[in-house]
C-alpha atoms as a PDB file:
ATOM      1  CA  MET A   1       0.201   0.038  -0.160  1.00  0.00           C
ATOM      2  CA  ASN A   2       2.976   2.073   0.157  1.00  0.00           C
ATOM      3  CA  GLN A   3       2.742   3.379  -3.288  1.00  0.00           C
ATOM      4  CA  PHE A   4      -0.541   5.204  -2.871  1.00  0.00           C
ATOM      5  CA  LEU A   5       0.669   6.787   0.431  1.00  0.00           C
ATOM      6  CA  HIS A   6      -0.183  10.652  -0.983  1.00  0.00           C
ATOM      7  CA  PRO A   7      -0.057  13.026   2.208  1.00  0.00           C
ATOM      8  CA  ILE A   8      -3.724  13.569   1.704  1.00  0.00           C
ATOM      9  CA  ILE A   9      -4.565   9.380   1.839  1.00  0.00           C
ATOM     10  CA  GLU A  10      -1.603   9.099   4.749  1.00  0.00           C
ATOM     11  CA  VAL A  11      -3.989  11.382   6.545  1.00  0.00           C
ATOM     12  CA  ALA A  12      -7.306   9.698   5.810  1.00  0.00           C
ATOM     13  CA  LEU A  13      -5.553   6.385   7.070  1.00  0.00           C
ATOM     14  CA  ILE A  14      -4.420   8.266  10.345  1.00  0.00           C
ATOM     15  CA  GLU A  15      -8.022  10.119  10.927  1.00  0.00           C
ATOM     16  CA  LEU A  16      -9.867   7.363   9.695  1.00  0.00           C
ATOM     17  CA  PRO A  17      -8.436   3.802   9.806  1.00  0.00           C
ATOM     18  CA  GLU A  18     -10.957   2.424   8.023  1.00  0.00           C
ATOM     19  CA  PHE A  19     -10.276   4.226   4.605  1.00  0.00           C
ATOM     20  CA  ALA A  20      -7.872   1.210   3.977  1.00  0.00           C
ATOM     21  CA  LYS A  21     -10.873  -0.545   3.320  1.00  0.00           C
ATOM     22  CA  CYS A  22     -11.520   1.868   0.676  1.00  0.00           C
ATOM     23  CA  ILE A  23      -8.051   1.772  -0.811  1.00  0.00           C
ATOM     24  CA  ARG A  24      -8.383  -2.486  -0.557  1.00  0.00           C
ATOM     25  CA  THR A  25     -11.499  -2.277  -2.777  1.00  0.00           C
ATOM     26  CA  MET A  26     -10.652   0.552  -5.116  1.00  0.00           C
ATOM     27  CA  SER A  27      -6.732  -1.715  -5.853  1.00  0.00           C
ATOM     28  CA  GLU A  28      -9.449  -5.244  -6.761  1.00  0.00           C
ATOM     29  CA  HIS A  29     -11.673  -3.168  -8.878  1.00  0.00           C
ATOM     30  CA  SER A  30      -9.261  -1.136 -10.501  1.00  0.00           C
ATOM     31  CA  THR A  31      -7.358  -4.712 -11.545  1.00  0.00           C
ATOM     32  CA  LEU A  32     -10.545  -6.103 -12.960  1.00  0.00           C
ATOM     33  CA  ARG A  33     -11.597  -3.015 -14.883  1.00  0.00           C
ATOM     34  CA  GLY A  34      -8.081  -2.553 -16.050  1.00  0.00           C
ATOM     35  CA  LEU A  35      -8.333   1.166 -14.238  1.00  0.00           C
ATOM     36  CA  GLY A  36      -4.649   2.870 -15.443  1.00  0.00           C
ATOM     37  CA  ARG A  37      -2.280   3.104 -12.171  1.00  0.00           C
ATOM     38  CA  ARG A  38      -2.322   7.130 -12.682  1.00  0.00           C
ATOM     39  CA  THR A  39      -5.802   7.297 -12.920  1.00  0.00           C
ATOM     40  CA  PHE A  40      -6.149   4.977  -9.816  1.00  0.00           C
ATOM     41  CA  LYS A  41      -4.391   7.579  -7.840  1.00  0.00           C
ATOM     42  CA  CYS A  42      -6.474  10.654  -8.761  1.00  0.00           C
ATOM     43  CA  TYR A  43      -9.327   8.621  -8.074  1.00  0.00           C
ATOM     44  CA  THR A  44      -7.930   7.231  -4.314  1.00  0.00           C
ATOM     45  CA  ARG A  45      -6.738  10.985  -3.296  1.00  0.00           C
ATOM     46  CA  LYS A  46     -10.295  12.587  -4.079  1.00  0.00           C
ATOM     47  CA  LEU A  47     -11.867   9.651  -2.046  1.00  0.00           C
ATOM     48  CA  ALA A  48      -9.241  10.550   0.664  1.00  0.00           C
ATOM     49  CA  GLN A  49     -10.834  14.285   0.469  1.00  0.00           C
ATOM     50  CA  LEU A  50     -14.395  13.136   0.763  1.00  0.00           C
ATOM     51  CA  CYS A  51     -13.911  10.987   3.413  1.00  0.00           C
ATOM     52  CA  LEU A  52     -11.974  13.679   5.940  1.00  0.00           C
ATOM     53  CA  VAL A  53     -14.402  16.010   5.029  1.00  0.00           C
ATOM     54  CA  PHE A  54     -17.256  13.825   6.046  1.00  0.00           C
ATOM     55  CA  LYS A  55     -15.089  11.504   8.616  1.00  0.00           C
ATOM     56  CA  LYS A  56     -16.959   8.492   6.988  1.00  0.00           C
ATOM     57  CA  LEU A  57     -16.612   6.229   4.020  1.00  0.00           C
ATOM     58  CA  PRO A  58     -17.580   7.581   0.721  1.00  0.00           C
ATOM     59  CA  GLU A  59     -20.511   5.128   0.906  1.00  0.00           C
ATOM     60  CA  PHE A  60     -21.786   6.391   3.834  1.00  0.00           C
ATOM     61  CA  CYS A  61     -22.017   9.759   2.272  1.00  0.00           C
ATOM     62  CA  THR A  62     -25.479  11.251   1.693  1.00  0.00           C
ATOM     63  CA  GLU A  63     -25.982  12.556  -2.170  1.00  0.00           C
ATOM     64  CA  ALA A  64     -26.886  15.867  -0.300  1.00  0.00           C
ATOM     65  CA  GLU A  65     -23.036  15.611   1.441  1.00  0.00           C
ATOM     66  CA  VAL A  66     -21.497  15.027  -1.695  1.00  0.00           C
ATOM     67  CA  ASN A  67     -22.999  17.501  -3.866  1.00  0.00           C
ATOM     68  CA  SER A  68     -21.634  19.721  -0.722  1.00  0.00           C
ATOM     69  CA  PHE A  69     -18.652  18.704  -1.279  1.00  0.00           C
ATOM     70  CA  LEU A  70     -18.404  19.502  -4.436  1.00  0.00           C
ATOM     71  CA  THR A  71     -19.301  22.913  -4.059  1.00  0.00           C
ATOM     72  CA  SER A  72     -17.436  23.456  -1.215  1.00  0.00           C
ATOM     73  CA  MET A  73     -13.613  22.073  -3.678  1.00  0.00           C
ATOM     74  CA  HIS A  74     -11.039  24.452  -3.509  1.00  0.00           C
ATOM     75  CA  SER A  75      -7.568  24.506  -4.480  1.00  0.00           C
ATOM     76  CA  ASN A  76      -4.964  26.666  -2.961  1.00  0.00           C
ATOM     77  CA  GLY A  77      -7.908  29.353  -2.652  1.00  0.00           C
ATOM     78  CA  LYS A  78      -9.021  29.137  -6.697  1.00  0.00           C
ATOM     79  CA  ARG A  79     -12.323  27.558  -7.652  1.00  0.00           C
ATOM     80  CA  PRO A  80     -11.247  24.405  -9.191  1.00  0.00           C
ATOM     81  CA  SER A  81     -11.864  23.271 -13.046  1.00  0.00           C
ATOM     82  CA  GLU A  82     -14.036  21.024 -14.446  1.00  0.00           C
ATOM     83  CA  SER A  83     -11.678  18.629 -15.150  1.00  0.00           C
ATOM     84  CA  ASP A  84     -11.238  18.843 -11.092  1.00  0.00           C
ATOM     85  CA  TYR A  85     -15.390  17.929 -10.713  1.00  0.00           C
ATOM     86  CA  LYS A  86     -15.211  15.506 -13.305  1.00  0.00           C
ATOM     87  CA  LEU A  87     -12.614  13.443 -11.246  1.00  0.00           C
ATOM     88  CA  ALA A  88     -13.916  14.135  -8.163  1.00  0.00           C
ATOM     89  CA  ILE A  89     -17.428  12.557  -9.788  1.00  0.00           C
ATOM     90  CA  SER A  90     -15.663   9.870 -12.110  1.00  0.00           C
ATOM     91  CA  SER A  91     -13.658   8.397  -8.383  1.00  0.00           C
ATOM     92  CA  LEU A  92     -17.033   8.416  -6.691  1.00  0.00           C
ATOM     93  CA  LYS A  93     -19.058   6.464  -9.486  1.00  0.00           C
ATOM     94  CA  PHE A  94     -15.836   4.473  -9.189  1.00  0.00           C
ATOM     95  CA  TYR A  95     -15.582   3.273  -5.905  1.00  0.00           C
ATOM     96  CA  MET A  96     -20.126   3.217  -5.517  1.00  0.00           C
ATOM     97  CA  THR A  97     -20.206   0.709  -8.402  1.00  0.00           C
ATOM     98  CA  ALA A  98     -16.703  -1.568  -6.918  1.00  0.00           C
ATOM     99  CA  VAL A  99     -19.044  -1.491  -2.973  1.00  0.00           C
ATOM    100  CA  GLY A 100     -22.528  -2.405  -4.930  1.00  0.00           C
ATOM    101  CA  ALA A 101     -24.280   0.644  -3.904  1.00  0.00           C
ATOM    102  CA  THR A 102     -26.440   2.811  -5.985  1.00  0.00           C
ATOM    103  CA  VAL A 103     -24.728   5.324  -8.552  1.00  0.00           C
ATOM    104  CA  VAL A 104     -25.980   8.344  -8.074  1.00  0.00           C
ATOM    105  CA  ASN A 105     -25.985  11.170 -10.961  1.00  0.00           C
ATOM    106  CA  TYR A 106     -24.242  14.034  -9.040  1.00  0.00           C
ATOM    107  CA  LYS A 107     -23.976  17.317  -9.949  1.00  0.00           C
ATOM    108  CA  MET A 108     -21.610  18.803 -11.157  1.00  0.00           C
ATOM    109  CA  PRO A 109     -21.439  22.820 -10.322  1.00  0.00           C
ATOM    110  CA  SER A 110     -21.233  25.379 -13.424  1.00  0.00           C
ATOM    111  CA  VAL A 111     -17.979  26.107 -14.406  1.00  0.00           C
ATOM    112  CA  ARG A 112     -16.807  28.579 -17.083  1.00  0.00           C
ATOM    113  CA  SER A 113     -14.048  26.514 -18.945  1.00  0.00           C
ATOM    114  CA  GLU A 114     -10.832  28.560 -19.671  1.00  0.00           C
ATOM    115  CA  LYS A 115      -9.611  27.973 -23.255  1.00  0.00           C
ATOM    116  CA  THR A 116      -6.267  28.447 -23.473  1.00  0.00           C
ATOM    117  CA  LEU A 117      -3.582  28.174 -26.127  1.00  0.00           C
ATOM    118  CA  PRO A 118      -0.850  25.629 -25.753  1.00  0.00           C
ATOM    119  CA  VAL A 119       3.005  26.740 -25.562  1.00  0.00           C
ATOM    120  CA  VAL A 120       5.006  26.034 -28.770  1.00  0.00           C
ATOM    121  CA  LEU A 121       8.419  25.989 -29.252  1.00  0.00           C
ATOM    122  CA  SER A 122       9.722  28.087 -32.547  1.00  0.00           C
ATOM    123  CA  LYS A 123      12.251  25.884 -34.797  1.00  0.00           C
ATOM    124  CA  GLU A 124      15.157  28.194 -33.875  1.00  0.00           C
ATOM    125  CA  GLU A 125      14.419  27.885 -30.279  1.00  0.00           C
ATOM    126  CA  CYS A 126      14.164  23.784 -30.429  1.00  0.00           C
ATOM    127  CA  ILE A 127      17.831  23.751 -32.284  1.00  0.00           C
ATOM    128  CA  LYS A 128      18.962  25.781 -29.444  1.00  0.00           C
ATOM    129  CA  LEU A 129      17.627  23.653 -26.936  1.00  0.00           C
ATOM    130  CA  PHE A 130      18.660  20.264 -28.505  1.00  0.00           C
ATOM    131  CA  SER A 131      21.816  22.299 -28.216  1.00  0.00           C
ATOM    132  CA  ASN A 132      22.309  22.910 -24.767  1.00  0.00           C
ATOM    133  CA  SER A 133      21.374  19.632 -23.390  1.00  0.00           C
ATOM    134  CA  SER A 134      24.716  18.108 -21.623  1.00  0.00           C
ATOM    135  CA  ARG A 135      24.962  14.791 -22.300  1.00  0.00           C
ATOM    136  CA  LEU A 136      24.007  12.675 -25.355  1.00  0.00           C
ATOM    137  CA  LYS A 137      21.932  10.433 -23.114  1.00  0.00           C
ATOM    138  CA  ASP A 138      19.907  14.244 -22.169  1.00  0.00           C
ATOM    139  CA  GLY A 139      19.746  15.283 -25.528  1.00  0.00           C
ATOM    140  CA  THR A 140      18.745  12.009 -26.954  1.00  0.00           C
ATOM    141  CA  MET A 141      15.363  11.983 -25.017  1.00  0.00           C
ATOM    142  CA  LEU A 142      14.515  15.148 -25.714  1.00  0.00           C
ATOM    143  CA  LYS A 143      15.009  15.107 -29.304  1.00  0.00           C
ATOM    144  CA  LEU A 144      12.875  11.498 -29.426  1.00  0.00           C
ATOM    145  CA  ILE A 145      10.486  12.896 -27.749  1.00  0.00           C
ATOM    146  CA  TYR A 146      10.053  15.920 -30.371  1.00  0.00           C
ATOM    147  CA  SER A 147      10.862  14.005 -32.957  1.00  0.00           C
ATOM    148  CA  ALA A 148       7.774  11.475 -32.764  1.00  0.00           C
ATOM    149  CA  GLY A 149       5.406  13.658 -30.566  1.00  0.00           C
ATOM    150  CA  LEU A 150       5.812  11.302 -27.745  1.00  0.00           C
ATOM    151  CA  ARG A 151       4.199  11.757 -24.110  1.00  0.00           C
ATOM    152  CA  LEU A 152       6.395  11.355 -21.148  1.00  0.00           C
ATOM    153  CA  GLN A 153       4.716   8.184 -20.354  1.00  0.00           C
ATOM    154  CA  GLU A 154       5.192   6.832 -23.722  1.00  0.00           C
ATOM    155  CA  LEU A 155       8.898   7.759 -23.994  1.00  0.00           C
ATOM    156  CA  THR A 156       9.826   5.775 -20.775  1.00  0.00           C
ATOM    157  CA  ASN A 157       7.720   2.806 -21.505  1.00  0.00           C
ATOM    158  CA  LEU A 158       9.344   2.752 -24.919  1.00  0.00           C
ATOM    159  CA  LYS A 159      11.364  -0.887 -25.122  1.00  0.00           C
ATOM    160  CA  ILE A 160      14.151  -1.029 -27.902  1.00  0.00           C
ATOM    161  CA  GLY A 161      12.212  -3.853 -29.281  1.00  0.00           C
ATOM    162  CA  ASP A 162       9.639  -1.394 -30.159  1.00  0.00           C
ATOM    163  CA  ILE A 163      11.812   0.494 -32.773  1.00  0.00           C
ATOM    164  CA  ASP A 164      11.591  -0.870 -36.327  1.00  0.00           C
ATOM    165  CA  TRP A 165      14.924   0.092 -37.730  1.00  0.00           C
ATOM    166  CA  ASN A 166      13.982  -1.317 -41.218  1.00  0.00           C
ATOM    167  CA  ARG A 167      10.650   0.458 -41.889  1.00  0.00           C
ATOM    168  CA  MET A 168      11.853   3.501 -39.687  1.00  0.00           C
ATOM    169  CA  LEU A 169       9.064   3.593 -37.470  1.00  0.00           C
ATOM    170  CA  ILE A 170       8.572   3.798 -33.766  1.00  0.00           C
ATOM    171  CA  HIS A 171       5.709   1.525 -31.550  1.00  0.00           C
ATOM    172  CA  VAL A 172       4.083   3.091 -29.229  1.00  0.00           C
ATOM    173  CA  ARG A 173       2.592   0.578 -27.065  1.00  0.00           C
ATOM    174  CA  GLY A 174      -0.125   1.332 -24.552  1.00  0.00           C
ATOM    175  CA  GLY A 175      -0.389   5.087 -25.182  1.00  0.00           C
ATOM    176  CA  LYS A 176      -3.245   7.218 -23.528  1.00  0.00           C
ATOM    177  CA  GLY A 177      -6.730   5.235 -23.341  1.00  0.00           C
ATOM    178  CA  ARG A 178      -4.051   2.065 -23.690  1.00  0.00           C
ATOM    179  CA  LYS A 179      -3.936   2.283 -27.617  1.00  0.00           C
ATOM    180  CA  ASP A 180      -1.480   1.416 -29.813  1.00  0.00           C
ATOM    181  CA  ARG A 181       0.525   3.644 -33.084  1.00  0.00           C
ATOM    182  CA  TYR A 182       3.271   3.536 -34.867  1.00  0.00           C
ATOM    183  CA  VAL A 183       4.631   6.748 -35.655  1.00  0.00           C
ATOM    184  CA  ASN A 184       7.205   7.901 -37.740  1.00  0.00           C
ATOM    185  CA  LEU A 185      11.432   7.461 -37.063  1.00  0.00           C
ATOM    186  CA  SER A 186      13.963  10.357 -37.860  1.00  0.00           C
ATOM    187  CA  SER A 187      16.727   9.613 -39.773  1.00  0.00           C
ATOM    188  CA  CYS A 188      18.306  12.800 -38.541  1.00  0.00           C
ATOM    189  CA  ILE A 189      18.451  10.909 -34.903  1.00  0.00           C
ATOM    190  CA  LEU A 190      19.984   8.027 -36.068  1.00  0.00           C
ATOM    191  CA  LYS A 191      23.271   8.978 -35.417  1.00  0.00           C
ATOM    192  CA  GLU A 192      22.472   9.406 -31.996  1.00  0.00           C
ATOM    193  CA  LEU A 193      20.839   6.386 -30.629  1.00  0.00           C
ATOM    194  CA  LYS A 194      23.283   4.808 -32.166  1.00  0.00           C
ATOM    195  CA  ASN A 195      25.951   7.191 -30.281  1.00  0.00           C
ATOM    196  CA  TYR A 196      23.928   6.434 -26.975  1.00  0.00           C
ATOM    197  CA  LEU A 197      23.507   2.748 -27.244  1.00  0.00           C
ATOM    198  CA  LEU A 198      26.942   2.005 -28.042  1.00  0.00           C
ATOM    199  CA  SER A 199      27.780   4.155 -25.032  1.00  0.00           C
ATOM    200  CA  GLU A 200      25.408   3.477 -22.704  1.00  0.00           C
ATOM    201  CA  LYS A 201      24.332  -0.161 -23.534  1.00  0.00           C
ATOM    202  CA  PRO A 202      20.734  -0.427 -22.076  1.00  0.00           C
ATOM    203  CA  PHE A 203      18.540  -3.067 -22.152  1.00  0.00           C
ATOM    204  CA  LEU A 204      14.581  -4.019 -22.497  1.00  0.00           C
ATOM    205  CA  TYR A 205      13.981  -0.249 -21.845  1.00  0.00           C
ATOM    206  CA  LEU A 206      15.588   2.234 -24.263  1.00  0.00           C
ATOM    207  CA  PHE A 207      15.766   4.803 -21.698  1.00  0.00           C
ATOM    208  CA  ASN A 208      16.460   2.826 -17.867  1.00  0.00           C
ATOM    209  CA  ASN A 209      18.024   3.742 -15.028  1.00  0.00           C
ATOM    210  CA  SER A 210      20.674   1.762 -13.590  1.00  0.00           C
ATOM    211  CA  ARG A 211      18.955  -0.766 -12.220  1.00  0.00           C
ATOM    212  CA  GLY A 212      17.715  -1.594 -15.203  1.00  0.00           C
ATOM    213  CA  ARG A 213      14.125  -0.324 -15.169  1.00  0.00           C
ATOM    214  CA  GLN A 214      12.296   3.207 -16.989  1.00  0.00           C
ATOM    215  CA  ALA A 215      13.611   6.134 -16.526  1.00  0.00           C
ATOM    216  CA  ASN A 216      12.125   7.946 -13.720  1.00  0.00           C
ATOM    217  CA  LYS A 217      10.237  10.845 -15.369  1.00  0.00           C
ATOM    218  CA  THR A 218      10.393  13.380 -12.498  1.00  0.00           C
ATOM    219  CA  THR A 219      14.478  13.599 -13.786  1.00  0.00           C
ATOM    220  CA  ILE A 220      13.405  14.204 -17.253  1.00  0.00           C
ATOM    221  CA  SER A 221      11.419  16.517 -16.361  1.00  0.00           C
ATOM    222  CA  LYS A 222      14.317  18.190 -14.593  1.00  0.00           C
ATOM    223  CA  ILE A 223      16.234  17.445 -17.991  1.00  0.00           C
ATOM    224  CA  MET A 224      14.365  19.655 -19.898  1.00  0.00           C
ATOM    225  CA  SER A 225      13.982  22.383 -17.609  1.00  0.00           C
ATOM    226  CA  ARG A 226      17.783  22.518 -17.293  1.00  0.00           C
ATOM    227  CA  ALA A 227      18.061  22.865 -21.562  1.00  0.00           C
ATOM    228  CA  VAL A 228      15.238  25.377 -21.049  1.00  0.00           C
ATOM    229  CA  LYS A 229      17.262  27.728 -19.152  1.00  0.00           C
ATOM    230  CA  THR A 230      20.488  26.834 -20.391  1.00  0.00           C
ATOM    231  CA  SER A 231      19.255  27.788 -23.743  1.00  0.00           C
ATOM    232  CA  GLY A 232      18.118  31.435 -23.036  1.00  0.00           C
ATOM    233  CA  ILE A 233      14.274  30.298 -23.227  1.00  0.00           C
ATOM    234  CA  ILE A 234      12.132  32.861 -21.256  1.00  0.00           C
ATOM    235  CA  LYS A 235       8.789  31.685 -22.408  1.00  0.00           C
ATOM    236  CA  LYS A 236       6.843  30.717 -19.641  1.00  0.00           C
ATOM    237  CA  GLY A 237       5.175  27.106 -18.881  1.00  0.00           C
ATOM    238  CA  VAL A 238       7.647  25.399 -20.937  1.00  0.00           C
ATOM    239  CA  CYS A 239       7.559  21.379 -20.125  1.00  0.00           C
ATOM    240  CA  LEU A 240       8.276  18.540 -21.631  1.00  0.00           C
ATOM    241  CA  HIS A 241       4.860  18.108 -23.192  1.00  0.00           C
ATOM    242  CA  THR A 242       5.575  21.705 -25.392  1.00  0.00           C
ATOM    243  CA  LEU A 243       7.686  19.610 -27.366  1.00  0.00           C
ATOM    244  CA  ARG A 244       4.609  17.229 -28.100  1.00  0.00           C
ATOM    245  CA  HIS A 245       2.905  21.010 -29.217  1.00  0.00           C
ATOM    246  CA  SER A 246       5.509  22.097 -31.026  1.00  0.00           C
ATOM    247  CA  PHE A 247       5.538  18.569 -33.026  1.00  0.00           C
ATOM    248  CA  ALA A 248       2.133  19.063 -34.138  1.00  0.00           C
ATOM    249  CA  THR A 249       2.668  22.872 -34.446  1.00  0.00           C
ATOM    250  CA  HIS A 250       5.406  22.225 -36.344  1.00  0.00           C
ATOM    251  CA  LEU A 251       4.265  19.587 -38.730  1.00  0.00           C
ATOM    252  CA  MET A 252       1.307  21.855 -39.473  1.00  0.00           C
ATOM    253  CA  GLU A 253       3.497  24.701 -40.825  1.00  0.00           C
ATOM    254  CA  GLU A 254       5.021  22.492 -42.780  1.00  0.00           C
ATOM    255  CA  GLY A 255       2.012  21.390 -44.665  1.00  0.00           C
ATOM    256  CA  LEU A 256       0.913  17.897 -43.243  1.00  0.00           C
ATOM    257  CA  ASP A 257      -3.013  17.628 -42.920  1.00  0.00           C
ATOM    258  CA  ILE A 258      -4.538  17.467 -39.661  1.00  0.00           C
ATOM    259  CA  VAL A 259      -5.971  14.130 -40.191  1.00  0.00           C
ATOM    260  CA  SER A 260      -2.721  12.331 -40.229  1.00  0.00           C
ATOM    261  CA  ILE A 261      -1.177  14.473 -37.409  1.00  0.00           C
ATOM    262  CA  LYS A 262      -4.142  13.573 -35.005  1.00  0.00           C
ATOM    263  CA  GLU A 263      -3.465   9.618 -36.188  1.00  0.00           C
ATOM    264  CA  MET A 264       0.146  10.804 -35.427  1.00  0.00           C
ATOM    265  CA  LEU A 265      -0.099  12.228 -31.577  1.00  0.00           C
ATOM    266  CA  GLY A 266      -2.856   8.976 -31.163  1.00  0.00           C
ATOM    267  CA  HIS A 267      -5.702  11.762 -30.250  1.00  0.00           C
ATOM    268  CA  GLU A 268      -9.068  10.018 -29.872  1.00  0.00           C
ATOM    269  CA  LYS A 269     -10.903  12.955 -31.007  1.00  0.00           C
ATOM    270  CA  LEU A 270     -10.251  15.091 -34.038  1.00  0.00           C
ATOM    271  CA  GLN A 271     -11.706  18.315 -31.848  1.00  0.00           C
ATOM    272  CA  THR A 272      -8.567  17.698 -29.379  1.00  0.00           C
ATOM    273  CA  THR A 273      -5.808  17.919 -32.486  1.00  0.00           C
ATOM    274  CA  LEU A 274      -8.163  21.296 -33.854  1.00  0.00           C
ATOM    275  CA  ILE A 275      -6.643  23.556 -31.268  1.00  0.00           C
ATOM    276  CA  TYR A 276      -3.134  23.761 -33.268  1.00  0.00           C
ATOM    277  CA  LEU A 277      -4.917  25.154 -36.378  1.00  0.00           C
ATOM    278  CA  HIS A 278      -4.770  28.239 -34.182  1.00  0.00           C
ATOM    279  CA  VAL A 279      -1.392  28.626 -34.670  1.00  0.00           C
ATOM    280  CA  SER A 280      -0.470  26.911 -38.262  1.00  0.00           C
ATOM    281  CA  ASN A 281      -2.090  26.288 -41.445  1.00  0.00           C
ATOM    282  CA  TYR A 282      -1.592  23.312 -43.584  1.00  0.00           C
ATOM    283  CA  GLU A 283      -1.963  21.710 -46.450  1.00  0.00           C
ATOM    284  CA  ARG A 284      -1.720  18.231 -47.775  1.00  0.00           C
ATOM    285  CA  PRO A 285       1.673  16.899 -47.985  1.00  0.00           C
ATOM    286  CA  ARG A 286       3.043  13.068 -47.348  1.00  0.00           C
ATOM    287  CA  LYS A 287       3.734  12.185 -43.517  1.00  0.00           C
ATOM    288  CA  PHE A 288       7.183  13.010 -41.663  1.00  0.00           C
ATOM    289  CA  SER A 289       9.373  14.019 -38.821  1.00  0.00           C
ATOM    290  CA  PRO A 290       9.666  17.573 -37.881  1.00  0.00           C
ATOM    291  CA  LEU A 291      13.273  16.632 -37.082  1.00  0.00           C
ATOM    292  CA  ASP A 292      14.132  15.974 -40.958  1.00  0.00           C
ATOM    293  CA  LYS A 293      13.107  19.458 -41.501  1.00  0.00           C
ATOM    294  CA  LEU A 294      14.762  21.331 -38.137  1.00  0.00           C
ATOM    295  CA  TYR A 295      18.196  19.942 -39.681  1.00  0.00           C
ATOM    296  CA  SER A 296      17.400  19.491 -43.225  1.00  0.00           C
ATOM    297  CA  GLU A 297      20.655  20.784 -44.696  1.00  0.00           C
ATOM    298  CA  GLU A 298      22.453  18.048 -42.856  1.00  0.00           C
ATOM    299  CA  MET A 299      20.147  15.344 -43.960  1.00  0.00           C
ATOM    300  CA  MET A 300      22.308  12.030 -44.515  1.00  0.00           C
ATOM    301  CA  SER A 301      21.789  10.056 -48.151  1.00  0.00           C
ATOM    302  CA  GLU A 302      20.219   6.678 -48.203  1.00  0.00           C
ATOM    303  CA  CYS A 303      23.276   4.749 -48.130  1.00  0.00           C
ATOM    304  CA  GLU A 304      24.013   5.866 -45.080  1.00  0.00           C
ATOM    305  CA  VAL A 305      21.002   5.801 -43.825  1.00  0.00           C
ATOM    306  CA  LYS A 306      21.049   2.274 -44.701  1.00  0.00           C
ATOM    307  CA  ARG A 307      24.266   1.345 -43.329  1.00  0.00           C
ATOM    308  CA  ILE A 308      23.472   2.970 -39.888  1.00  0.00           C
ATOM    309  CA  VAL A 309      20.154   1.246 -39.685  1.00  0.00           C
ATOM    310  CA  ASN A 310      21.705  -1.883 -40.024  1.00  0.00           C
ATOM    311  CA  GLU A 311      24.273  -0.873 -37.292  1.00  0.00           C
ATOM    312  CA  LEU A 312      21.531  -0.025 -35.113  1.00  0.00           C
ATOM    313  CA  THR A 313      19.794  -3.391 -35.897  1.00  0.00           C
ATOM    314  CA  GLU A 314      22.699  -4.977 -34.907  1.00  0.00           C
ATOM    315  CA  ILE A 315      23.052  -3.183 -31.494  1.00  0.00           C
ATOM    316  CA  SER A 316      19.638  -3.804 -30.689  1.00  0.00           C
ATOM    317  CA  SER A 317      19.901  -7.597 -31.310  1.00  0.00           C
ATOM    318  CA  ARG A 318      22.761  -7.764 -28.869  1.00  0.00           C
ATOM    319  CA  ALA A 319      21.121  -5.630 -26.081  1.00  0.00           C
ATOM    320  CA  THR A 320      17.641  -8.355 -26.758  1.00  0.00           C
ATOM    321  CA  ALA A 321      19.607 -11.028 -26.233  1.00  0.00           C
ATOM    322  CA  HIS A 322      21.375  -9.514 -23.061  1.00  0.00           C
ATOM    323  CA  GLU A 323      17.562  -9.120 -21.768  1.00  0.00           C
ATOM    324  CA  GLU A 324      17.113 -12.723 -22.753  1.00  0.00           C
ATOM    325  CA  GLU A 325      20.410 -14.116 -20.804  1.00  0.00           C
ATOM    326  CA  LEU A 326      19.082 -11.799 -17.664  1.00  0.00           C
ATOM    327  CA  ARG A 327      15.674 -13.068 -17.715  1.00  0.00           C
ATOM    328  CA  ALA A 328      17.174 -16.971 -17.991  1.00  0.00           C
ATOM    329  CA  GLN A 329      19.292 -16.197 -14.941  1.00  0.00           C
ATOM    330  CA  MET A 330      16.885 -14.633 -12.773  1.00  0.00           C
ATOM    331  CA  SER A 331      14.311 -17.959 -13.566  1.00  0.00           C
ATOM    332  CA  LEU A 332      16.894 -19.746 -12.105  1.00  0.00           C
ATOM    333  CA  PHE A 333      17.382 -17.765  -9.693  1.00  0.00           C
ATOM    334  CA  GLU A 334      13.754 -18.393  -8.650  1.00  0.00           C
ATOM    335  CA  GLU A 335      13.514 -21.953  -9.308  1.00  0.00           C
ATOM    336  CA  ASN A 336      16.496 -22.489  -6.682  1.00  0.00           C
END
């Protein structure tokens, strides 16, 4: 249960020990329903807030009490957003279903939604950012996020075997909504990937930590922050996700149609992708990676690309073989 001990949950467990039962019920139901780990944590925190207000488990709270809780929600003295209310309601409905209680159609307070445009880096700023990454691994991660429009979770989940070097495609597995997709692998990042694989020798995950596990998300975010500061970029709100926004915007500016961009981003609804129309114009050329355009003067010949692809395929095979060897050793250890 330690993995769920957010401060608000710790307080709930102290003041209401029976809240541990709530967490167990949520955990069991989450496993059955295939609820994502991150969503589960968010749901549990919202339930902890409700329980702390009324000093009882959610199933014993009346509809009036829940509606009162929703209307009184505040975060740092500010009115919660529409997504905050939806999260609270979704967590309650999920839990009520888990305990077999009657699911109530709770009233969501009216919220004036704010429509903000995403922060986007210019192409010149992207070049500065990548040039000011202190380590090969850092720069390779940032370039890969931008070149393929990856989410942070998708980057950390990426395995060496998910890259099809010959077809120049990246297989993004279990993206948002547990959906898979393929995105283009830019030829401009092949040399960095080759040098990185040879120097760092990762196995299983393309970017792992010293223990061979997934790279830490907080660490990657700090890498981005340092690169932004070193590059002298002064735009507010620049973060790792800004690279994904820049990916989509630059593709539109280069003329790629919005339907193709929607597929490359892995959006479920076209409406989500339409936001980029406010910052760019588009036509309908072929699909490509924006990194190809960023370093167009440094584009490699087809022969050079093929040579590096063959080398990367060999390096990846060795890494995969190392992974299988470790698994076999672990299997023997478990049997003994």
